C-alpha atoms as a PDB file:
ATOM      1  CA  UNK A   1       0.001  -0.041   0.240  1.00  0.00           C
ATOM      2  CA  UNK A   2       1.141   3.325  -1.000  1.00  0.00           C
ATOM      3  CA  UNK A   3       1.892   6.417   2.014  1.00  0.00           C
ATOM      4  CA  UNK A   4      -0.169   8.563   0.210  1.00  0.00           C
ATOM      5  CA  UNK A   5      -3.182   6.001  -0.297  1.00  0.00           C
ATOM      6  CA  UNK A   6      -2.546   5.075   4.134  1.00  0.00           C
ATOM      7  CA  UNK A   7      -2.549   9.108   4.901  1.00  0.00           C
ATOM      8  CA  UNK A   8      -5.401   9.646   2.803  1.00  0.00           C
ATOM      9  CA  UNK A   9      -7.757   6.917   4.310  1.00  0.00           C
ATOM     10  CA  UNK A  10      -6.609   7.778   7.940  1.00  0.00           C
ATOM     11  CA  UNK A  11      -7.593  11.328   7.053  1.00  0.00           C
ATOM     12  CA  UNK A  12     -10.896  10.050   5.678  1.00  0.00           C
ATOM     13  CA  UNK A  13     -11.183   7.900   8.657  1.00  0.00           C
ATOM     14  CA  UNK A  14     -10.643  10.587  11.065  1.00  0.00           C
ATOM     15  CA  UNK A  15     -12.925  12.928   9.597  1.00  0.00           C
ATOM     16  CA  UNK A  16     -15.657  10.552   9.586  1.00  0.00           C
ATOM     17  CA  UNK A  17     -15.252  10.386  13.734  1.00  0.00           C
ATOM     18  CA  UNK A  18     -14.806  14.370  13.743  1.00  0.00           C
ATOM     19  CA  UNK A  19     -17.600  15.733  10.981  1.00  0.00           C
ATOM     20  CA  UNK A  20     -15.573  19.302  11.162  1.00  0.00           C
ATOM     21  CA  UNK A  21     -12.433  19.307  13.375  1.00  0.00           C
ATOM     22  CA  UNK A  22      -9.284  21.852  13.099  1.00  0.00           C
ATOM     23  CA  UNK A  23      -6.532  20.881  11.714  1.00  0.00           C
ATOM     24  CA  UNK A  24      -5.188  20.298  15.312  1.00  0.00           C
ATOM     25  CA  UNK A  25      -7.967  17.891  15.988  1.00  0.00           C
ATOM     26  CA  UNK A  26      -6.543  15.822  12.639  1.00  0.00           C
ATOM     27  CA  UNK A  27      -2.929  15.995  13.654  1.00  0.00           C
ATOM     28  CA  UNK A  28      -4.274  14.742  17.078  1.00  0.00           C
ATOM     29  CA  UNK A  29      -5.985  12.109  15.839  1.00  0.00           C
ATOM     30  CA  UNK A  30      -3.745  10.895  12.935  1.00  0.00           C
ATOM     31  CA  UNK A  31      -0.559  11.026  14.916  1.00  0.00           C
ATOM     32  CA  UNK A  32       1.190   8.335  13.285  1.00  0.00           C
ATOM     33  CA  UNK A  33       1.902  11.222  10.520  1.00  0.00           C
ATOM     34  CA  UNK A  34       4.269  14.396  10.633  1.00  0.00           C
ATOM     35  CA  UNK A  35       2.617  17.232  10.460  1.00  0.00           C
ATOM     36  CA  UNK A  36       3.802  18.584   7.095  1.00  0.00           C
ATOM     37  CA  UNK A  37       2.747  14.775   5.989  1.00  0.00           C
ATOM     38  CA  UNK A  38      -0.790  15.854   6.860  1.00  0.00           C
ATOM     39  CA  UNK A  39      -0.636  19.091   5.904  1.00  0.00           C
ATOM     40  CA  UNK A  40       0.323  18.203   2.206  1.00  0.00           C
ATOM     41  CA  UNK A  41      -2.353  15.439   1.932  1.00  0.00           C
ATOM     42  CA  UNK A  42      -5.373  17.854   3.387  1.00  0.00           C
ATOM     43  CA  UNK A  43      -4.004  19.985   0.858  1.00  0.00           C
ATOM     44  CA  UNK A  44      -3.732  17.751  -2.203  1.00  0.00           C
ATOM     45  CA  UNK A  45      -7.231  16.057  -1.237  1.00  0.00           C
ATOM     46  CA  UNK A  46      -8.825  19.674  -0.941  1.00  0.00           C
ATOM     47  CA  UNK A  47      -7.605  20.848  -4.575  1.00  0.00           C
ATOM     48  CA  UNK A  48      -9.255  17.284  -5.431  1.00  0.00           C
ATOM     49  CA  UNK A  49     -12.485  18.459  -4.217  1.00  0.00           C
ATOM     50  CA  UNK A  50     -12.630  15.542  -1.498  1.00  0.00           C
ATOM     51  CA  UNK A  51     -12.135  18.178   1.568  1.00  0.00           C
ATOM     52  CA  UNK A  52     -14.000  20.985   2.303  1.00  0.00           C
ATOM     53  CA  UNK A  53     -12.504  24.000   4.360  1.00  0.00           C
ATOM     54  CA  UNK A  54     -14.458  26.234   6.254  1.00  0.00           C
ATOM     55  CA  UNK A  55     -13.489  29.519   8.120  1.00  0.00           C
ATOM     56  CA  UNK A  56     -14.232  30.021  11.514  1.00  0.00           C
ATOM     57  CA  UNK A  57     -13.299  33.425  11.828  1.00  0.00           C
ATOM     58  CA  UNK A  58     -10.257  33.441  14.394  1.00  0.00           C
ATOM     59  CA  UNK A  59      -7.411  32.582  11.683  1.00  0.00           C
ATOM     60  CA  UNK A  60      -8.517  29.046  11.611  1.00  0.00           C
ATOM     61  CA  UNK A  61     -10.247  26.592   9.538  1.00  0.00           C
ATOM     62  CA  UNK A  62     -12.734  23.497  10.276  1.00  0.00           C
ATOM     63  CA  UNK A  63     -11.922  20.450   7.602  1.00  0.00           C
ATOM     64  CA  UNK A  64     -14.522  18.182   6.741  1.00  0.00           C
ATOM     65  CA  UNK A  65     -15.495  15.849   3.875  1.00  0.00           C
ATOM     66  CA  UNK A  66     -17.702  16.954   1.198  1.00  0.00           C
ATOM     67  CA  UNK A  67     -21.207  16.702   1.877  1.00  0.00           C
ATOM     68  CA  UNK A  68     -22.814  13.317   2.660  1.00  0.00           C
ATOM     69  CA  UNK A  69     -24.148  12.790  -1.214  1.00  0.00           C
ATOM     70  CA  UNK A  70     -20.345  13.160  -2.187  1.00  0.00           C
ATOM     71  CA  UNK A  71     -18.685  10.699   0.504  1.00  0.00           C
ATOM     72  CA  UNK A  72     -18.943   7.836  -1.670  1.00  0.00           C
ATOM     73  CA  UNK A  73     -17.091   9.397  -4.203  1.00  0.00           C
ATOM     74  CA  UNK A  74     -14.483  10.446  -2.162  1.00  0.00           C
ATOM     75  CA  UNK A  75     -14.145   6.990  -0.974  1.00  0.00           C
ATOM     76  CA  UNK A  76     -13.539   6.228  -4.800  1.00  0.00           C
ATOM     77  CA  UNK A  77     -11.197   8.965  -5.169  1.00  0.00           C
ATOM     78  CA  UNK A  78      -9.101   8.243  -2.344  1.00  0.00           C
ATOM     79  CA  UNK A  79      -9.241   4.338  -3.080  1.00  0.00           C
ATOM     80  CA  UNK A  80      -8.400   4.072  -6.209  1.00  0.00           C
ATOM     81  CA  UNK A  81      -5.396   3.044  -8.260  1.00  0.00           C
ATOM     82  CA  UNK A  82      -3.342   4.930 -10.681  1.00  0.00           C
ATOM     83  CA  UNK A  83      -4.504   3.502 -14.429  1.00  0.00           C
ATOM     84  CA  UNK A  84      -1.751   0.807 -15.561  1.00  0.00           C
ATOM     85  CA  UNK A  85       0.064   2.022 -18.644  1.00  0.00           C
END
């Protein structure tokens, strides 16, 4: 299993446990990864549309999965392997 897939799956699992959490909560919940690894993967997943970031107004953002009807798509996007050549 690739490292990126493992990190993405852990992030999705954590966000299912904590539907809207801060990055600090995510870091505490996924303590087997570094802050940098999690930040890079959250940004990658946000750009892919799998996550949403919502400003809290205090300079922080809540991280959450896309709407419930899109969660299945998140799982597919996160767990799919790159196409073979």
